[in-house]
Amino acid sequence: MWEEDACDFFDVTLGLARLHEVLRVFGCAEASTSCDRRQRALLATAPSEAHGFGIEIVANFMRAASWDVALLKGVSIDENVEAVAREWYAVYGVALAAEAGLDTVAKLICAARRASRNKFIAVIVGGRVFATNPQLAIQVGADATAPDAPTATLLAKKLLIQQIAPGEAKCSEGFDG
């Protein structure tokens, strides 16, 4: 309706406020305790991205599936890079709505991979731009894209499993994350 100009900014803002309230009421899933301490994800909106509701939904789905999730919304490339350098994450997810941000996301992903404490960090991208053209995920240097929160959660687990060396215990004592 927004794209067709059938509702104005006020209507969209009010609708989004109501959706946030629904997410707060029904989306507060308590994460169950997981044996796998590597189930850690950093989810971020692209720098200057105005749309952050979708990534909050993804975070709720991942938390319900026992992921430890950190969220960054509307912060710079440097702040994203500092976050992956400071903490160990198995997965780094970036959301983008508009195609104009593709170059920024590519730079962000490259910088995050270089700085990450996890040299095998998996990168998933999502958002409207990737939903309409999934091949753009490859262009920005991501490992995968997901069209929705349940798929992102399953994909994150798959990418985590690929990081674990064959025969390595999932609850190893030596993990420092």
Protein backbone atom coordinates (compact mmCIF):
# COMPACT_ATOMS: atom_id res chain seq x y z
CA MET A 1 0.00 0.00 0.00
CA TRP A 2 2.95 2.33 0.68
CA GLU A 3 4.41 1.71 -2.77
CA GLU A 4 1.02 2.31 -4.39
CA ASP A 5 0.61 5.53 -2.37
CA ALA A 6 -2.58 4.12 -0.84
CA CYS A 7 -1.49 5.11 2.66
CA ASP A 8 0.55 8.00 3.96
CA PHE A 9 3.52 8.24 6.30
CA PHE A 10 1.28 8.54 9.37
CA ASP A 11 -0.61 5.32 8.49
CA VAL A 12 2.63 3.42 7.93
CA THR A 13 4.14 4.74 11.17
CA LEU A 14 1.04 3.81 13.15
CA GLY A 15 0.92 0.35 11.58
CA LEU A 16 4.57 -0.25 12.31
CA ALA A 17 4.11 0.87 15.93
CA ARG A 18 1.30 -1.68 16.28
CA LEU A 19 3.49 -4.41 14.75
CA HIS A 20 6.28 -3.58 17.22
CA GLU A 21 3.79 -3.91 20.07
CA VAL A 22 2.65 -7.32 18.78
CA LEU A 23 6.29 -8.40 18.52
CA ARG A 24 6.92 -7.26 22.11
CA VAL A 25 3.87 -9.10 23.42
CA PHE A 26 4.07 -12.33 21.44
CA GLY A 27 7.67 -12.45 20.29
CA CYS A 28 9.39 -12.53 23.65
CA ALA A 29 10.46 -16.13 23.39
CA GLU A 30 12.77 -17.20 26.14
CA ALA A 31 15.76 -18.86 24.59
CA SER A 32 16.17 -22.40 25.75
CA THR A 33 19.58 -23.36 27.05
CA SER A 34 21.67 -24.81 24.29
CA CYS A 35 24.67 -27.07 24.63
CA ASP A 36 26.22 -25.36 21.63
CA ARG A 37 27.78 -22.13 22.88
CA ARG A 38 28.79 -21.39 19.29
CA GLN A 39 25.19 -20.49 18.43
CA ARG A 40 26.01 -16.79 18.52
CA ALA A 41 24.87 -14.31 15.90
CA LEU A 42 25.29 -10.62 15.28
CA LEU A 43 22.42 -9.17 13.27
CA ALA A 44 22.70 -5.68 11.85
CA THR A 45 20.93 -3.33 9.54
CA ALA A 46 23.09 -1.82 6.84
CA PRO A 47 24.52 1.58 7.78
CA SER A 48 21.93 4.33 7.18
CA GLU A 49 19.19 1.68 6.80
CA ALA A 50 15.85 2.99 8.04
CA HIS A 51 14.10 -0.40 8.16
CA GLY A 52 14.83 -2.48 11.26
CA PHE A 53 11.62 -4.34 12.06
CA GLY A 54 12.44 -7.38 9.95
CA ILE A 55 15.76 -7.96 11.65
CA GLU A 56 14.02 -7.83 15.04
CA ILE A 57 11.73 -10.63 13.87
CA VAL A 58 14.74 -12.67 12.74
CA ALA A 59 16.38 -12.09 16.15
CA ASN A 60 13.26 -13.37 17.93
CA PHE A 61 13.14 -16.52 15.79
CA MET A 62 16.82 -17.19 16.40
CA ARG A 63 16.48 -16.64 20.15
CA ALA A 64 13.57 -19.08 20.22
CA ALA A 65 15.91 -21.59 18.55
CA SER A 66 18.51 -21.13 21.34
CA TRP A 67 20.75 -18.60 19.59
CA ASP A 68 22.53 -15.88 21.52
CA VAL A 69 21.75 -12.83 19.36
CA ALA A 70 23.16 -9.31 19.41
CA LEU A 71 21.46 -6.57 17.39
CA LEU A 72 22.93 -3.46 15.79
CA LYS A 73 20.62 -1.02 14.05
CA GLY A 74 21.63 2.07 12.13
CA VAL A 75 25.30 2.05 13.09
CA SER A 76 28.39 2.69 10.98
CA ILE A 77 30.66 0.21 9.25
CA ASP A 78 33.30 0.89 11.92
CA GLU A 79 30.87 0.05 14.75
CA ASN A 80 29.90 -3.20 13.01
CA VAL A 81 33.55 -4.13 12.53
CA GLU A 82 34.33 -3.35 16.18
CA ALA A 83 31.50 -5.67 17.25
CA VAL A 84 32.77 -8.69 15.27
CA ALA A 85 36.33 -7.98 16.40
CA ARG A 86 35.30 -7.76 20.08
CA GLU A 87 33.10 -10.89 20.31
CA TRP A 88 33.10 -14.31 18.61
CA TYR A 89 30.07 -14.90 16.36
CA ALA A 90 29.29 -17.88 14.16
CA VAL A 91 26.94 -15.86 11.98
CA TYR A 92 26.80 -12.24 10.91
CA GLY A 93 23.50 -11.17 9.35
CA VAL A 94 22.98 -7.92 7.46
CA ALA A 95 19.62 -6.51 6.37
CA LEU A 96 19.18 -4.12 3.47
CA ALA A 97 16.02 -2.80 1.84
CA ALA A 98 17.24 -0.56 -0.99
CA GLU A 99 19.58 -1.44 -3.83
CA ALA A 100 21.42 1.86 -3.34
CA GLY A 101 23.11 0.34 -0.26
CA LEU A 102 24.69 -2.64 -2.03
CA ASP A 103 28.19 -1.13 -2.27
CA THR A 104 28.11 -0.19 1.40
CA VAL A 105 27.02 -3.72 2.37
CA ALA A 106 29.81 -5.22 0.25
CA LYS A 107 32.38 -3.03 2.03
CA LEU A 108 30.82 -3.87 5.40
CA ILE A 109 30.97 -7.62 4.78
CA CYS A 110 34.57 -7.47 3.57
CA ALA A 111 35.68 -5.41 6.58
CA ALA A 112 33.76 -7.63 9.02
CA ARG A 113 35.31 -10.81 7.64
CA ARG A 114 38.82 -9.34 7.97
CA ALA A 115 38.21 -8.22 11.57
CA SER A 116 36.13 -11.14 12.86
CA ARG A 117 37.35 -13.20 15.80
CA ASN A 118 35.88 -16.18 13.93
CA LYS A 119 37.95 -16.71 10.79
CA PHE A 120 35.14 -18.89 9.39
CA ILE A 121 32.27 -16.48 10.15
CA ALA A 122 29.22 -17.10 7.98
CA VAL A 123 27.48 -14.08 6.48
CA ILE A 124 23.77 -14.08 5.66
CA VAL A 125 22.04 -11.14 4.01
CA GLY A 126 18.34 -10.42 3.92
CA GLY A 127 15.82 -7.74 3.20
CA ARG A 128 13.72 -6.62 0.30
CA VAL A 129 16.60 -6.08 -2.13
CA PHE A 130 17.80 -9.69 -1.72
CA ALA A 131 14.27 -11.11 -1.72
CA THR A 132 13.67 -9.65 -5.18
CA ASN A 133 17.13 -10.64 -6.47
CA PRO A 134 18.85 -13.38 -4.40
CA GLN A 135 21.89 -13.38 -6.70
CA LEU A 136 22.88 -10.02 -5.21
CA ALA A 137 24.00 -11.93 -2.09
CA ILE A 138 26.95 -13.26 -4.06
CA GLN A 139 27.73 -9.79 -5.39
CA VAL A 140 28.11 -8.36 -1.86
CA GLY A 141 30.23 -11.27 -0.64
CA ALA A 142 27.66 -13.07 1.53
CA ASP A 143 27.51 -16.82 1.97
CA ALA A 144 23.74 -16.95 1.66
CA THR A 145 20.47 -15.07 1.73
CA ALA A 146 17.19 -15.92 3.41
CA PRO A 147 13.73 -14.68 2.41
CA ASP A 148 12.26 -14.85 5.93
CA ALA A 149 13.01 -15.35 9.61
CA PRO A 150 12.39 -19.12 9.85
CA THR A 151 14.61 -19.75 6.82
CA ALA A 152 17.33 -17.46 8.21
CA THR A 153 17.30 -19.41 11.48
CA LEU A 154 17.63 -22.78 9.75
CA LEU A 155 20.29 -21.44 7.39
CA ALA A 156 22.29 -20.05 10.31
CA LYS A 157 22.33 -23.48 11.96
CA LYS A 158 23.41 -25.13 8.71
CA LEU A 159 26.25 -22.64 8.27
CA LEU A 160 27.33 -23.14 11.90
CA ILE A 161 27.46 -26.91 11.44
CA GLN A 162 29.68 -26.42 8.40
CA GLN A 163 32.13 -24.46 10.59
CA ILE A 164 32.51 -27.25 13.13
CA ALA A 165 35.41 -29.55 12.33
CA PRO A 166 34.51 -33.24 11.87
CA GLY A 167 34.64 -35.09 15.17
CA GLU A 168 34.93 -31.93 17.26
CA ALA A 169 32.70 -31.89 20.33
CA LYS A 170 30.02 -29.21 20.20
CA CYS A 171 30.49 -28.41 23.89
CA SER A 172 34.25 -28.31 23.94
CA GLU A 173 35.82 -26.86 27.05
CA GLY A 174 38.42 -24.98 25.01
CA PHE A 175 35.96 -22.63 23.31
CA ASP A 176 36.65 -19.08 24.42
CA GLY A 177 33.51 -17.40 22.99
